[in-house]
């Protein structure tokens, strides 16, 4: 994988980070799937595996209240996790 810009959710909202490995790219994709799953089901446990996780030096947001706050503000676009 060459360096790719991908979006993640942090405490400051959606941020673009540089992803340099396939593992990081998979982690970001799996993370967004968990966020979407949580928002659809309310199952907080899907976020557990990402607590204290970082990608590209940025901590992934897993606080359910904060995830919902960003979702309510319309900040989460699951169709576009890559920088566009």
C-alpha atoms as a PDB file:
ATOM      1  CA  UNK A   1       0.000   0.000   0.000  1.00  0.00           C
ATOM      2  CA  UNK A   2       1.334   3.402  -0.891  1.00  0.00           C
ATOM      3  CA  UNK A   3       0.433   6.209   1.442  1.00  0.00           C
ATOM      4  CA  UNK A   4      -3.296   6.884   1.352  1.00  0.00           C
ATOM      5  CA  UNK A   5      -5.323   9.595   3.069  1.00  0.00           C
ATOM      6  CA  UNK A   6      -8.284   8.185   4.967  1.00  0.00           C
ATOM      7  CA  UNK A   7     -10.827   9.685   7.316  1.00  0.00           C
ATOM      8  CA  UNK A   8     -11.243   8.651  10.939  1.00  0.00           C
ATOM      9  CA  UNK A   9     -13.381   9.923  13.786  1.00  0.00           C
ATOM     10  CA  UNK A  10     -11.525  11.555  16.681  1.00  0.00           C
ATOM     11  CA  UNK A  11     -12.611  13.635  19.634  1.00  0.00           C
ATOM     12  CA  UNK A  12     -12.235  16.668  17.348  1.00  0.00           C
ATOM     13  CA  UNK A  13     -14.480  15.196  14.644  1.00  0.00           C
ATOM     14  CA  UNK A  14     -13.629  13.614  11.320  1.00  0.00           C
ATOM     15  CA  UNK A  15      -9.945  13.993  10.501  1.00  0.00           C
ATOM     16  CA  UNK A  16      -7.836  12.924   7.570  1.00  0.00           C
ATOM     17  CA  UNK A  17      -4.782  10.844   8.330  1.00  0.00           C
ATOM     18  CA  UNK A  18      -1.984   9.266   6.335  1.00  0.00           C
ATOM     19  CA  UNK A  19      -2.353   5.478   6.224  1.00  0.00           C
ATOM     20  CA  UNK A  20       0.790   3.681   5.116  1.00  0.00           C
ATOM     21  CA  UNK A  21       0.084  -0.024   5.611  1.00  0.00           C
ATOM     22  CA  UNK A  22      -2.600  -2.463   4.531  1.00  0.00           C
ATOM     23  CA  UNK A  23      -3.187  -3.315   8.205  1.00  0.00           C
ATOM     24  CA  UNK A  24      -3.922   0.324   9.042  1.00  0.00           C
ATOM     25  CA  UNK A  25      -6.269   0.640   6.058  1.00  0.00           C
ATOM     26  CA  UNK A  26      -8.141  -2.507   7.131  1.00  0.00           C
ATOM     27  CA  UNK A  27      -8.305  -1.199  10.689  1.00  0.00           C
ATOM     28  CA  UNK A  28      -9.882   2.067   9.515  1.00  0.00           C
ATOM     29  CA  UNK A  29     -12.432   0.180   7.416  1.00  0.00           C
ATOM     30  CA  UNK A  30     -13.268  -2.159  10.286  1.00  0.00           C
ATOM     31  CA  UNK A  31     -13.547   0.828  12.612  1.00  0.00           C
ATOM     32  CA  UNK A  32     -16.073   2.595  10.357  1.00  0.00           C
ATOM     33  CA  UNK A  33     -18.063  -0.650  10.110  1.00  0.00           C
ATOM     34  CA  UNK A  34     -18.166  -0.768  13.913  1.00  0.00           C
ATOM     35  CA  UNK A  35     -19.284   2.878  14.112  1.00  0.00           C
ATOM     36  CA  UNK A  36     -22.052   2.214  11.590  1.00  0.00           C
ATOM     37  CA  UNK A  37     -23.041  -0.983  13.413  1.00  0.00           C
ATOM     38  CA  UNK A  38     -23.195   0.863  16.750  1.00  0.00           C
ATOM     39  CA  UNK A  39     -25.312   3.679  15.314  1.00  0.00           C
ATOM     40  CA  UNK A  40     -27.681   1.161  13.742  1.00  0.00           C
ATOM     41  CA  UNK A  41     -28.049  -1.190  16.705  1.00  0.00           C
ATOM     42  CA  UNK A  42     -26.998   0.706  19.831  1.00  0.00           C
ATOM     43  CA  UNK A  43     -24.623  -2.177  20.652  1.00  0.00           C
ATOM     44  CA  UNK A  44     -21.737  -0.427  22.426  1.00  0.00           C
ATOM     45  CA  UNK A  45     -19.648  -3.621  22.521  1.00  0.00           C
ATOM     46  CA  UNK A  46     -18.779  -3.271  18.819  1.00  0.00           C
ATOM     47  CA  UNK A  47     -16.664  -0.236  19.757  1.00  0.00           C
ATOM     48  CA  UNK A  48     -14.755  -2.048  22.516  1.00  0.00           C
ATOM     49  CA  UNK A  49     -12.018  -3.486  20.294  1.00  0.00           C
ATOM     50  CA  UNK A  50     -11.053   0.041  19.249  1.00  0.00           C
ATOM     51  CA  UNK A  51     -10.757   1.602  22.702  1.00  0.00           C
ATOM     52  CA  UNK A  52      -7.260   3.037  23.113  1.00  0.00           C
ATOM     53  CA  UNK A  53      -6.523   2.315  19.426  1.00  0.00           C
ATOM     54  CA  UNK A  54      -4.569   4.712  17.273  1.00  0.00           C
ATOM     55  CA  UNK A  55      -4.141   4.866  13.519  1.00  0.00           C
ATOM     56  CA  UNK A  56      -1.706   7.298  11.961  1.00  0.00           C
ATOM     57  CA  UNK A  57      -0.931   8.603  15.439  1.00  0.00           C
ATOM     58  CA  UNK A  58      -4.567   9.588  16.057  1.00  0.00           C
ATOM     59  CA  UNK A  59      -6.759   8.012  18.725  1.00  0.00           C
ATOM     60  CA  UNK A  60      -9.977   6.521  17.348  1.00  0.00           C
ATOM     61  CA  UNK A  61     -13.130   7.863  19.007  1.00  0.00           C
ATOM     62  CA  UNK A  62     -15.095   5.134  20.785  1.00  0.00           C
ATOM     63  CA  UNK A  63     -17.143   7.106  23.322  1.00  0.00           C
ATOM     64  CA  UNK A  64     -20.748   6.260  22.367  1.00  0.00           C
ATOM     65  CA  UNK A  65     -22.087   9.676  23.377  1.00  0.00           C
ATOM     66  CA  UNK A  66     -19.464  11.464  21.293  1.00  0.00           C
ATOM     67  CA  UNK A  67     -20.028   9.168  18.306  1.00  0.00           C
ATOM     68  CA  UNK A  68     -23.730   9.955  18.448  1.00  0.00           C
ATOM     69  CA  UNK A  69     -23.036  13.675  18.805  1.00  0.00           C
ATOM     70  CA  UNK A  70     -20.936  13.722  15.620  1.00  0.00           C
ATOM     71  CA  UNK A  71     -23.527  11.588  13.811  1.00  0.00           C
ATOM     72  CA  UNK A  72     -26.319  13.993  14.821  1.00  0.00           C
ATOM     73  CA  UNK A  73     -24.291  16.877  13.420  1.00  0.00           C
ATOM     74  CA  UNK A  74     -24.123  15.087  10.076  1.00  0.00           C
ATOM     75  CA  UNK A  75     -20.360  14.685  10.205  1.00  0.00           C
ATOM     76  CA  UNK A  76     -20.254  10.962   9.439  1.00  0.00           C
ATOM     77  CA  UNK A  77     -20.293   9.991   5.777  1.00  0.00           C
ATOM     78  CA  UNK A  78     -19.825   6.239   5.571  1.00  0.00           C
ATOM     79  CA  UNK A  79     -19.651   6.277   1.794  1.00  0.00           C
ATOM     80  CA  UNK A  80     -16.461   8.303   1.770  1.00  0.00           C
ATOM     81  CA  UNK A  81     -13.758   7.182   4.192  1.00  0.00           C
ATOM     82  CA  UNK A  82     -11.064   8.120   1.712  1.00  0.00           C
ATOM     83  CA  UNK A  83      -9.984  11.705   1.306  1.00  0.00           C
ATOM     84  CA  UNK A  84     -11.879  13.242  -1.560  1.00  0.00           C
END
